[in-house]
Every structure is written in structure tokens, then in C-alpha cells.
Amino acid sequence: MNFDVGKAADWRPFFSHSFPRDTLPWTSVQPNDLHYEDTRSDDAEILSKEISHILRNKMIDWREANATSWHHVCQKHLEEIIKRKEMEFIRGSTINGADIEPELADFQKTHNITGFALQMPYTTVQAIVDTVYSTNIFKHATNEIKFALAVHVHPYPNNILAVWIYIAHLTPK
């Protein structure tokens, strides 16, 4: 066999004068209209809480030698930030972190804050856990640190879910 597509003599066309393409009714197997079902926002909210709960427990496990405490006020601010970031993403706005700093200014007076947002499609909870684990943000051998974890799952039609996670650690100044 010769698979040199440059040599026309080695290939026979599927359609020819004896079997013309135009004589057959060519219909598509694709439906004319695609119908997408709405994803229930309740399901996205339940998944968001489940992911948050699992990540919190994993952080505690990963920091087994140290106490893990949470900064709930900062977490609330981060939740609002990632919800807004998803809306900016939907509108096609440029997403950057410059607008986050003023919102966290009150916390920066008393704490050094290090953190970042992760955005990914939902595939499995384990994939999310693996992604957060790979950041190594939990690797601080001190009890003088607090963490803030915010999770937002945004539903799209046909059960497509976007997952936003903002994770930060705060150390006292």
C-alpha cells in the first residue's frame, strides 16, 4: 500500500461519473436545532458547598502537624470577588487582579495576604482537590497563619459547570 496523498494516481475518488455525488439525498444526522437544558442553580450551590467542605477537610489533613484556622470575614469578601470575576468573564472583560487589592485593603492593614484564584471546568471533585494540592499553599509550618477559602460554582446550560476557587493565607504583621 502506498499512502502518498500527493500522487493522484494512487488514489481513487469515492465519487465519479458513474457514481455522482449530486444524485444521492445527503442529509445530516445532526439535528437542526440543539436543545440545551438549564442547569439547576440549586445543584451548583450544593456542589459548591460540597467542594468547599472537602477542600477544608483536605487542608486540615495536609497540615496535620499544624493547626488550621480560617478567616471567615476574608472568605466572605473572596466569595464576592470570584462571583464578580465569573460575571466579568461572561461579559468578555479583561480579568486581572488589580481590582482585588482595594477590596482587601482592610485586611492588609493587619495581615500579609497571599492568595490566588483558580478557574476550571468541573470534571470531578478529585481533579479540583489535586489542583489545589499542587499549589502547595498549605505548606507553612506555623500556627500563626489563617486561611480563607472561597468556592463558587457557576452553572451553564446542559450541566456545564465553571468552578472558581480563591484561596489565600493571612499572616499577622
N, C-alpha and C. Protein backbone atom coordinates (compact mmCIF):
# COMPACT_ATOMS: atom_id res chain seq x y z
N MET A 1 0.84 -1.18 0.00
CA MET A 1 0.00 0.00 0.00
C MET A 1 0.89 1.24 0.00
N ASN A 2 0.42 2.22 -0.69
CA ASN A 2 1.13 3.49 -0.77
C ASN A 2 0.19 4.59 -0.29
N PHE A 3 0.62 5.35 0.71
CA PHE A 3 -0.22 6.40 1.27
C PHE A 3 0.28 7.79 0.93
N ASP A 4 0.94 7.92 -0.17
CA ASP A 4 1.42 9.23 -0.61
C ASP A 4 0.24 9.97 -1.22
N VAL A 5 -0.33 10.91 -0.48
CA VAL A 5 -1.51 11.63 -0.96
C VAL A 5 -1.18 12.61 -2.08
N GLY A 6 0.09 12.83 -2.31
CA GLY A 6 0.50 13.73 -3.38
C GLY A 6 0.42 13.09 -4.76
N LYS A 7 0.35 11.77 -4.80
CA LYS A 7 0.27 11.06 -6.08
C LYS A 7 -1.18 10.71 -6.37
N ALA A 8 -1.82 11.48 -7.20
CA ALA A 8 -3.25 11.29 -7.50
C ALA A 8 -3.52 9.95 -8.14
N ALA A 9 -2.56 9.37 -8.83
CA ALA A 9 -2.77 8.08 -9.49
C ALA A 9 -2.92 6.94 -8.48
N ASP A 10 -2.44 7.13 -7.26
CA ASP A 10 -2.53 6.08 -6.24
C ASP A 10 -3.85 6.10 -5.48
N TRP A 11 -4.69 7.06 -5.77
CA TRP A 11 -5.94 7.21 -5.04
C TRP A 11 -7.11 7.22 -6.01
N ARG A 12 -8.19 6.59 -5.60
CA ARG A 12 -9.40 6.64 -6.41
C ARG A 12 -10.42 7.50 -5.68
N PRO A 13 -11.07 8.38 -6.40
CA PRO A 13 -12.10 9.19 -5.75
C PRO A 13 -13.32 8.34 -5.39
N PHE A 14 -13.95 8.71 -4.29
CA PHE A 14 -15.16 8.00 -3.89
C PHE A 14 -16.30 8.26 -4.87
N PHE A 15 -16.41 9.51 -5.29
CA PHE A 15 -17.43 9.88 -6.27
C PHE A 15 -16.78 9.93 -7.64
N SER A 16 -17.55 9.49 -8.65
CA SER A 16 -17.05 9.50 -10.03
C SER A 16 -18.21 9.82 -10.97
N HIS A 17 -17.94 9.74 -12.29
CA HIS A 17 -19.01 9.99 -13.26
C HIS A 17 -20.08 8.91 -13.17
N SER A 18 -19.68 7.69 -12.83
CA SER A 18 -20.67 6.61 -12.73
C SER A 18 -21.38 6.62 -11.37
N PHE A 19 -20.82 7.31 -10.39
CA PHE A 19 -21.42 7.42 -9.05
C PHE A 19 -21.33 8.86 -8.59
N PRO A 20 -22.14 9.74 -9.20
CA PRO A 20 -22.03 11.16 -8.88
C PRO A 20 -22.61 11.49 -7.50
N ARG A 21 -22.05 12.49 -6.92
CA ARG A 21 -22.46 12.92 -5.59
C ARG A 21 -23.85 13.54 -5.59
N ASP A 22 -24.19 14.25 -6.63
CA ASP A 22 -25.44 15.02 -6.66
C ASP A 22 -26.69 14.16 -6.78
N THR A 23 -26.57 12.89 -7.10
CA THR A 23 -27.77 12.06 -7.28
C THR A 23 -28.28 11.46 -5.99
N LEU A 24 -27.50 11.55 -4.92
CA LEU A 24 -27.92 10.96 -3.64
C LEU A 24 -28.48 12.03 -2.71
N PRO A 25 -29.50 11.67 -1.94
CA PRO A 25 -30.02 12.64 -0.95
C PRO A 25 -29.10 12.67 0.27
N TRP A 26 -28.33 13.73 0.38
CA TRP A 26 -27.40 13.86 1.50
C TRP A 26 -28.07 14.63 2.63
N THR A 27 -28.38 13.92 3.68
CA THR A 27 -28.98 14.58 4.84
C THR A 27 -28.03 14.42 6.03
N SER A 28 -28.10 15.36 6.88
CA SER A 28 -27.24 15.35 8.05
C SER A 28 -27.86 14.52 9.16
N VAL A 29 -27.02 13.86 9.91
CA VAL A 29 -27.51 13.16 11.10
C VAL A 29 -27.62 14.12 12.28
N GLN A 30 -27.05 15.30 12.13
CA GLN A 30 -27.11 16.33 13.16
C GLN A 30 -28.51 16.93 13.19
N PRO A 31 -29.10 17.09 14.36
CA PRO A 31 -30.42 17.73 14.41
C PRO A 31 -30.33 19.20 13.99
N ASN A 32 -31.41 19.71 13.44
CA ASN A 32 -31.44 21.10 13.00
C ASN A 32 -31.33 22.06 14.18
N ASP A 33 -31.97 21.73 15.28
CA ASP A 33 -31.94 22.58 16.48
C ASP A 33 -31.32 21.79 17.63
N LEU A 34 -30.43 22.44 18.32
CA LEU A 34 -29.86 21.84 19.52
C LEU A 34 -30.62 22.38 20.73
N HIS A 35 -31.07 21.48 21.56
CA HIS A 35 -31.84 21.88 22.73
C HIS A 35 -30.98 21.64 23.98
N TYR A 36 -30.70 22.72 24.66
CA TYR A 36 -29.91 22.63 25.88
C TYR A 36 -30.84 22.80 27.07
N GLU A 37 -30.64 21.95 28.05
CA GLU A 37 -31.42 22.06 29.27
C GLU A 37 -30.70 22.99 30.24
N ASP A 38 -31.48 23.72 30.99
CA ASP A 38 -30.89 24.59 32.01
C ASP A 38 -30.30 23.73 33.13
N THR A 39 -29.19 24.17 33.62
CA THR A 39 -28.58 23.53 34.78
C THR A 39 -29.19 24.17 36.02
N ARG A 40 -29.62 23.35 36.93
CA ARG A 40 -30.27 23.88 38.13
C ARG A 40 -29.24 24.60 39.00
N SER A 41 -29.54 25.83 39.35
CA SER A 41 -28.62 26.60 40.19
C SER A 41 -28.54 26.00 41.59
N ASP A 42 -29.60 25.32 42.03
CA ASP A 42 -29.56 24.65 43.34
C ASP A 42 -28.49 23.57 43.36
N ASP A 43 -28.38 22.83 42.25
CA ASP A 43 -27.35 21.79 42.17
C ASP A 43 -25.95 22.40 42.22
N ALA A 44 -25.78 23.52 41.54
CA ALA A 44 -24.47 24.19 41.55
C ALA A 44 -24.13 24.67 42.96
N GLU A 45 -25.12 25.17 43.68
CA GLU A 45 -24.89 25.64 45.05
C GLU A 45 -24.54 24.48 45.98
N ILE A 46 -25.22 23.36 45.82
CA ILE A 46 -24.92 22.18 46.63
C ILE A 46 -23.50 21.69 46.35
N LEU A 47 -23.13 21.65 45.06
CA LEU A 47 -21.79 21.22 44.68
C LEU A 47 -20.74 22.18 45.24
N SER A 48 -21.03 23.47 45.20
CA SER A 48 -20.11 24.47 45.73
C SER A 48 -19.84 24.22 47.22
N LYS A 49 -20.89 23.97 47.98
CA LYS A 49 -20.74 23.70 49.41
C LYS A 49 -19.97 22.40 49.65
N GLU A 50 -20.24 21.40 48.81
CA GLU A 50 -19.55 20.12 48.96
C GLU A 50 -18.05 20.27 48.67
N ILE A 51 -17.72 20.99 47.60
CA ILE A 51 -16.31 21.21 47.27
C ILE A 51 -15.62 21.98 48.38
N SER A 52 -16.28 23.01 48.89
CA SER A 52 -15.71 23.81 49.98
C SER A 52 -15.45 22.94 51.21
N HIS A 53 -16.41 22.13 51.56
CA HIS A 53 -16.27 21.24 52.73
C HIS A 53 -15.11 20.26 52.53
N ILE A 54 -15.03 19.67 51.36
CA ILE A 54 -13.96 18.70 51.08
C ILE A 54 -12.60 19.38 51.11
N LEU A 55 -12.49 20.55 50.49
CA LEU A 55 -11.20 21.25 50.47
C LEU A 55 -10.77 21.68 51.87
N ARG A 56 -11.70 22.11 52.69
CA ARG A 56 -11.37 22.48 54.07
C ARG A 56 -10.80 21.27 54.83
N ASN A 57 -11.48 20.14 54.69
CA ASN A 57 -11.01 18.94 55.37
C ASN A 57 -9.65 18.48 54.83
N LYS A 58 -9.45 18.61 53.53
CA LYS A 58 -8.16 18.23 52.94
C LYS A 58 -7.05 19.16 53.45
N MET A 59 -7.34 20.45 53.54
CA MET A 59 -6.34 21.39 54.05
C MET A 59 -5.94 21.02 55.47
N ILE A 60 -6.91 20.65 56.28
CA ILE A 60 -6.62 20.23 57.65
C ILE A 60 -5.75 18.97 57.63
N ASP A 61 -6.08 18.02 56.76
CA ASP A 61 -5.28 16.80 56.65
C ASP A 61 -3.86 17.10 56.17
N TRP A 62 -3.73 17.96 55.17
CA TRP A 62 -2.42 18.28 54.62
C TRP A 62 -1.54 19.02 55.64
N ARG A 63 -2.19 19.74 56.56
CA ARG A 63 -1.45 20.49 57.59
C ARG A 63 -1.52 19.77 58.94
N GLU A 64 -1.47 18.47 58.92
CA GLU A 64 -1.68 17.69 60.14
C GLU A 64 -0.75 18.08 61.29
N ALA A 65 0.44 18.55 60.98
CA ALA A 65 1.38 18.92 62.05
C ALA A 65 1.07 20.29 62.65
N ASN A 66 0.25 21.08 61.98
CA ASN A 66 -0.06 22.43 62.45
C ASN A 66 -1.57 22.64 62.52
N ALA A 67 -1.96 23.56 63.37
CA ALA A 67 -3.37 23.92 63.46
C ALA A 67 -3.78 24.69 62.21
N THR A 68 -4.99 24.44 61.75
CA THR A 68 -5.51 25.14 60.57
C THR A 68 -6.72 25.94 61.01
N SER A 69 -6.61 27.25 60.92
CA SER A 69 -7.74 28.10 61.28
C SER A 69 -8.15 28.93 60.06
N TRP A 70 -9.38 29.40 60.10
CA TRP A 70 -9.98 30.05 58.94
C TRP A 70 -10.35 31.49 59.27
N HIS A 71 -10.18 32.36 58.31
CA HIS A 71 -10.55 33.76 58.45
C HIS A 71 -11.86 33.94 57.68
N HIS A 72 -12.98 33.83 58.39
CA HIS A 72 -14.29 33.79 57.75
C HIS A 72 -14.71 35.13 57.14
N VAL A 73 -14.27 36.23 57.71
CA VAL A 73 -14.63 37.54 57.16
C VAL A 73 -13.96 37.73 55.81
N CYS A 74 -12.69 37.39 55.73
CA CYS A 74 -11.97 37.49 54.46
C CYS A 74 -12.58 36.54 53.43
N GLN A 75 -13.00 35.38 53.89
CA GLN A 75 -13.63 34.40 53.00
C GLN A 75 -14.87 34.99 52.33
N LYS A 76 -15.68 35.70 53.07
CA LYS A 76 -16.89 36.32 52.50
C LYS A 76 -16.53 37.30 51.39
N HIS A 77 -15.48 38.08 51.62
CA HIS A 77 -15.04 39.03 50.58
C HIS A 77 -14.55 38.29 49.35
N LEU A 78 -13.81 37.21 49.55
CA LEU A 78 -13.30 36.43 48.42
C LEU A 78 -14.44 35.78 47.63
N GLU A 79 -15.49 35.36 48.32
CA GLU A 79 -16.65 34.78 47.62
C GLU A 79 -17.27 35.81 46.68
N GLU A 80 -17.41 37.03 47.15
CA GLU A 80 -17.96 38.09 46.30
C GLU A 80 -17.04 38.38 45.12
N ILE A 81 -15.75 38.35 45.36
CA ILE A 81 -14.79 38.62 44.29
C ILE A 81 -14.89 37.58 43.19
N ILE A 82 -14.93 36.30 43.54
CA ILE A 82 -14.96 35.28 42.48
C ILE A 82 -16.30 35.24 41.76
N LYS A 83 -17.37 35.59 42.44
CA LYS A 83 -18.66 35.68 41.73
C LYS A 83 -18.61 36.81 40.71
N ARG A 84 -18.02 37.91 41.10
CA ARG A 84 -17.90 39.04 40.18
C ARG A 84 -16.95 38.71 39.02
N LYS A 85 -15.88 37.98 39.32
CA LYS A 85 -14.93 37.59 38.27
C LYS A 85 -15.60 36.70 37.22
N GLU A 86 -16.48 35.81 37.64
CA GLU A 86 -17.19 34.97 36.68
C GLU A 86 -18.08 35.82 35.79
N MET A 87 -18.75 36.82 36.36
CA MET A 87 -19.60 37.69 35.55
C MET A 87 -18.76 38.51 34.57
N GLU A 88 -17.59 38.96 34.99
CA GLU A 88 -16.70 39.67 34.07
C GLU A 88 -16.23 38.75 32.95
N PHE A 89 -15.97 37.50 33.29
CA PHE A 89 -15.55 36.52 32.29
C PHE A 89 -16.66 36.29 31.27
N ILE A 90 -17.89 36.21 31.73
CA ILE A 90 -19.04 36.01 30.83
C ILE A 90 -19.18 37.19 29.89
N ARG A 91 -19.00 38.40 30.41
CA ARG A 91 -19.12 39.60 29.57
C ARG A 91 -17.93 39.79 28.64
N GLY A 92 -16.88 39.02 28.84
CA GLY A 92 -15.69 39.14 28.00
C GLY A 92 -14.73 40.22 28.46
N SER A 93 -14.90 40.68 29.68
CA SER A 93 -14.00 41.70 30.22
C SER A 93 -12.63 41.10 30.50
N THR A 94 -11.64 41.94 30.50
CA THR A 94 -10.30 41.50 30.85
C THR A 94 -10.26 41.24 32.35
N ILE A 95 -9.78 40.06 32.70
CA ILE A 95 -9.72 39.69 34.11
C ILE A 95 -8.30 39.88 34.60
N ASN A 96 -8.17 40.71 35.63
CA ASN A 96 -6.86 40.89 36.26
C ASN A 96 -7.08 41.02 37.76
N GLY A 97 -6.01 41.01 38.49
CA GLY A 97 -6.11 41.07 39.94
C GLY A 97 -5.99 42.45 40.53
N ALA A 98 -5.85 43.46 39.68
CA ALA A 98 -5.63 44.82 40.18
C ALA A 98 -6.81 45.34 41.00
N ASP A 99 -8.02 44.94 40.65
CA ASP A 99 -9.19 45.44 41.37
C ASP A 99 -9.45 44.70 42.67
N ILE A 100 -8.74 43.63 42.92
CA ILE A 100 -8.95 42.86 44.15
C ILE A 100 -8.28 43.54 45.34
N GLU A 101 -7.12 44.11 45.11
CA GLU A 101 -6.34 44.68 46.21
C GLU A 101 -7.10 45.73 47.02
N PRO A 102 -7.81 46.68 46.38
CA PRO A 102 -8.56 47.66 47.19
C PRO A 102 -9.63 47.01 48.08
N GLU A 103 -10.22 45.92 47.60
CA GLU A 103 -11.25 45.25 48.40
C GLU A 103 -10.68 44.57 49.63
N LEU A 104 -9.41 44.22 49.56
CA LEU A 104 -8.78 43.54 50.69
C LEU A 104 -7.92 44.49 51.51
N ALA A 105 -8.03 45.79 51.26
CA ALA A 105 -7.19 46.79 51.94
C ALA A 105 -7.36 46.75 53.45
N ASP A 106 -8.58 46.54 53.93
CA ASP A 106 -8.80 46.48 55.38
C ASP A 106 -8.02 45.34 56.01
N PHE A 107 -7.96 44.22 55.33
CA PHE A 107 -7.23 43.07 55.86
C PHE A 107 -5.72 43.30 55.78
N GLN A 108 -5.29 44.04 54.76
CA GLN A 108 -3.86 44.28 54.57
C GLN A 108 -3.28 45.21 55.63
N LYS A 109 -4.13 45.91 56.35
CA LYS A 109 -3.64 46.76 57.44
C LYS A 109 -3.08 45.92 58.58
N THR A 110 -3.67 44.75 58.78
CA THR A 110 -3.28 43.92 59.91
C THR A 110 -2.64 42.59 59.52
N HIS A 111 -2.73 42.23 58.23
CA HIS A 111 -2.22 40.93 57.78
C HIS A 111 -1.45 41.07 56.46
N ASN A 112 -0.51 40.18 56.28
CA ASN A 112 0.07 39.97 54.95
C ASN A 112 -0.78 38.90 54.28
N ILE A 113 -1.24 39.20 53.07
CA ILE A 113 -2.14 38.28 52.38
C ILE A 113 -1.45 37.75 51.13
N THR A 114 -1.49 36.45 50.99
CA THR A 114 -1.01 35.80 49.77
C THR A 114 -2.12 34.87 49.30
N GLY A 115 -2.50 35.01 48.04
CA GLY A 115 -3.56 34.16 47.53
C GLY A 115 -3.73 34.29 46.04
N PHE A 116 -4.62 33.50 45.52
CA PHE A 116 -4.86 33.48 44.08
C PHE A 116 -6.20 32.81 43.80
N ALA A 117 -6.68 33.07 42.60
CA ALA A 117 -7.92 32.44 42.14
C ALA A 117 -7.57 31.33 41.16
N LEU A 118 -8.34 30.27 41.24
CA LEU A 118 -8.26 29.17 40.28
C LEU A 118 -9.59 29.09 39.56
N GLN A 119 -9.55 28.94 38.27
CA GLN A 119 -10.79 28.80 37.49
C GLN A 119 -10.62 27.60 36.59
N MET A 120 -11.60 26.68 36.64
CA MET A 120 -11.51 25.46 35.85
C MET A 120 -12.89 24.92 35.56
N PRO A 121 -13.02 24.11 34.53
CA PRO A 121 -14.31 23.45 34.32
C PRO A 121 -14.46 22.33 35.34
N TYR A 122 -15.68 22.04 35.71
CA TYR A 122 -15.91 20.94 36.65
C TYR A 122 -15.83 19.62 35.90
N THR A 123 -14.95 18.75 36.37
CA THR A 123 -14.91 17.38 35.86
C THR A 123 -15.19 16.43 37.00
N THR A 124 -14.33 16.48 38.01
CA THR A 124 -14.54 15.68 39.23
C THR A 124 -14.05 16.49 40.42
N VAL A 125 -14.52 16.11 41.58
CA VAL A 125 -14.06 16.77 42.80
C VAL A 125 -12.58 16.44 43.01
N GLN A 126 -12.18 15.23 42.68
CA GLN A 126 -10.78 14.84 42.86
C GLN A 126 -9.85 15.69 42.02
N ALA A 127 -10.26 16.05 40.81
CA ALA A 127 -9.44 16.92 39.96
C ALA A 127 -9.25 18.29 40.61
N ILE A 128 -10.27 18.78 41.27
CA ILE A 128 -10.19 20.06 41.97
C ILE A 128 -9.25 19.94 43.17
N VAL A 129 -9.40 18.87 43.93
CA VAL A 129 -8.53 18.64 45.09
C VAL A 129 -7.07 18.56 44.63
N ASP A 130 -6.82 17.84 43.55
CA ASP A 130 -5.45 17.70 43.04
C ASP A 130 -4.88 19.05 42.61
N THR A 131 -5.71 19.88 41.99
CA THR A 131 -5.25 21.20 41.55
C THR A 131 -4.89 22.08 42.75
N VAL A 132 -5.74 22.09 43.76
CA VAL A 132 -5.45 22.88 44.96
C VAL A 132 -4.21 22.33 45.68
N TYR A 133 -4.09 21.03 45.75
CA TYR A 133 -2.92 20.42 46.39
C TYR A 133 -1.63 20.83 45.67
N SER A 134 -1.68 20.89 44.36
CA SER A 134 -0.47 21.21 43.58
C SER A 134 0.02 22.64 43.81
N THR A 135 -0.82 23.50 44.38
CA THR A 135 -0.40 24.88 44.65
C THR A 135 0.52 24.99 45.86
N ASN A 136 0.46 24.02 46.76
CA ASN A 136 1.28 23.99 47.98
C ASN A 136 1.04 25.18 48.90
N ILE A 137 -0.10 25.83 48.79
CA ILE A 137 -0.37 27.00 49.64
C ILE A 137 -0.50 26.60 51.11
N PHE A 138 -0.78 25.37 51.37
CA PHE A 138 -0.97 24.88 52.74
C PHE A 138 0.35 24.60 53.45
N LYS A 139 1.46 24.63 52.74
CA LYS A 139 2.76 24.24 53.32
C LYS A 139 3.41 25.41 54.05
N HIS A 140 2.93 25.66 55.24
CA HIS A 140 3.52 26.68 56.11
C HIS A 140 3.59 26.08 57.51
N ALA A 141 4.79 25.90 58.00
CA ALA A 141 4.99 25.25 59.29
C ALA A 141 4.84 26.24 60.44
N THR A 142 3.67 26.81 60.53
CA THR A 142 3.39 27.74 61.62
C THR A 142 1.91 27.67 61.96
N ASN A 143 1.63 27.98 63.21
CA ASN A 143 0.23 28.07 63.64
C ASN A 143 -0.28 29.50 63.59
N GLU A 144 0.59 30.45 63.24
CA GLU A 144 0.25 31.87 63.20
C GLU A 144 -0.34 32.27 61.84
N ILE A 145 -0.97 31.37 61.19
CA ILE A 145 -1.49 31.62 59.85
C ILE A 145 -2.97 31.27 59.81
N LYS A 146 -3.72 32.06 59.07
CA LYS A 146 -5.13 31.77 58.85
C LYS A 146 -5.36 31.64 57.36
N PHE A 147 -6.32 30.82 57.01
CA PHE A 147 -6.63 30.59 55.61
C PHE A 147 -8.02 31.12 55.29
N ALA A 148 -8.20 31.52 54.06
CA ALA A 148 -9.52 31.91 53.55
C ALA A 148 -9.74 31.12 52.27
N LEU A 149 -10.86 30.44 52.21
CA LEU A 149 -11.19 29.60 51.06
C LEU A 149 -12.58 29.95 50.59
N ALA A 150 -12.68 30.33 49.33
CA ALA A 150 -13.98 30.65 48.74
C ALA A 150 -14.16 29.79 47.50
N VAL A 151 -15.35 29.22 47.37
CA VAL A 151 -15.67 28.37 46.22
C VAL A 151 -16.96 28.87 45.60
N HIS A 152 -16.96 28.98 44.29
CA HIS A 152 -18.17 29.36 43.56
C HIS A 152 -18.29 28.45 42.34
N VAL A 153 -19.43 27.83 42.18
CA VAL A 153 -19.71 27.01 41.01
C VAL A 153 -20.78 27.73 40.20
N HIS A 154 -20.44 28.07 38.96
CA HIS A 154 -21.38 28.80 38.10
C HIS A 154 -21.98 27.83 37.08
N PRO A 155 -23.32 27.73 37.06
CA PRO A 155 -23.95 26.80 36.11
C PRO A 155 -24.11 27.41 34.72
N TYR A 156 -23.82 26.60 33.73
CA TYR A 156 -24.08 26.93 32.33
C TYR A 156 -25.07 25.90 31.80
N PRO A 157 -25.72 26.17 30.69
CA PRO A 157 -26.68 25.20 30.16
C PRO A 157 -26.05 23.83 29.89
N ASN A 158 -26.90 22.82 29.99
CA ASN A 158 -26.54 21.43 29.69
C ASN A 158 -25.54 20.85 30.69
N ASN A 159 -25.68 21.26 31.94
CA ASN A 159 -24.87 20.74 33.05
C ASN A 159 -23.37 20.97 32.88
N ILE A 160 -23.03 22.09 32.31
CA ILE A 160 -21.64 22.52 32.25
C ILE A 160 -21.42 23.47 33.42
N LEU A 161 -20.38 23.22 34.18
CA LEU A 161 -20.15 23.99 35.40
C LEU A 161 -18.75 24.59 35.39
N ALA A 162 -18.67 25.86 35.75
CA ALA A 162 -17.38 26.53 35.92
C ALA A 162 -17.11 26.62 37.42
N VAL A 163 -15.93 26.23 37.82
CA VAL A 163 -15.56 26.25 39.23
C VAL A 163 -14.51 27.33 39.46
N TRP A 164 -14.80 28.20 40.41
CA TRP A 164 -13.86 29.23 40.83
C TRP A 164 -13.49 28.96 42.27
N ILE A 165 -12.20 28.98 42.54
CA ILE A 165 -11.71 28.81 43.91
C ILE A 165 -10.74 29.94 44.19
N TYR A 166 -10.97 30.64 45.28
CA TYR A 166 -9.99 31.64 45.72
C TYR A 166 -9.47 31.15 47.05
N ILE A 167 -8.17 30.98 47.11
CA ILE A 167 -7.56 30.50 48.35
C ILE A 167 -6.45 31.48 48.73
N ALA A 168 -6.43 31.82 50.00
CA ALA A 168 -5.44 32.79 50.48
C ALA A 168 -5.01 32.40 51.89
N HIS A 169 -3.83 32.83 52.24
CA HIS A 169 -3.42 32.71 53.64
C HIS A 169 -3.03 34.08 54.15
N LEU A 170 -3.36 34.30 55.40
CA LEU A 170 -3.14 35.59 56.05
C LEU A 170 -2.22 35.37 57.25
N THR A 171 -1.16 36.15 57.29
CA THR A 171 -0.25 36.09 58.45
C THR A 171 -0.26 37.47 59.10
N PRO A 172 -0.22 37.51 60.43
CA PRO A 172 -0.25 38.81 61.10
C PRO A 172 1.02 39.61 60.81
N LYS A 173 0.84 40.94 60.74
CA LYS A 173 2.00 41.82 60.50
C LYS A 173 2.76 42.02 61.78
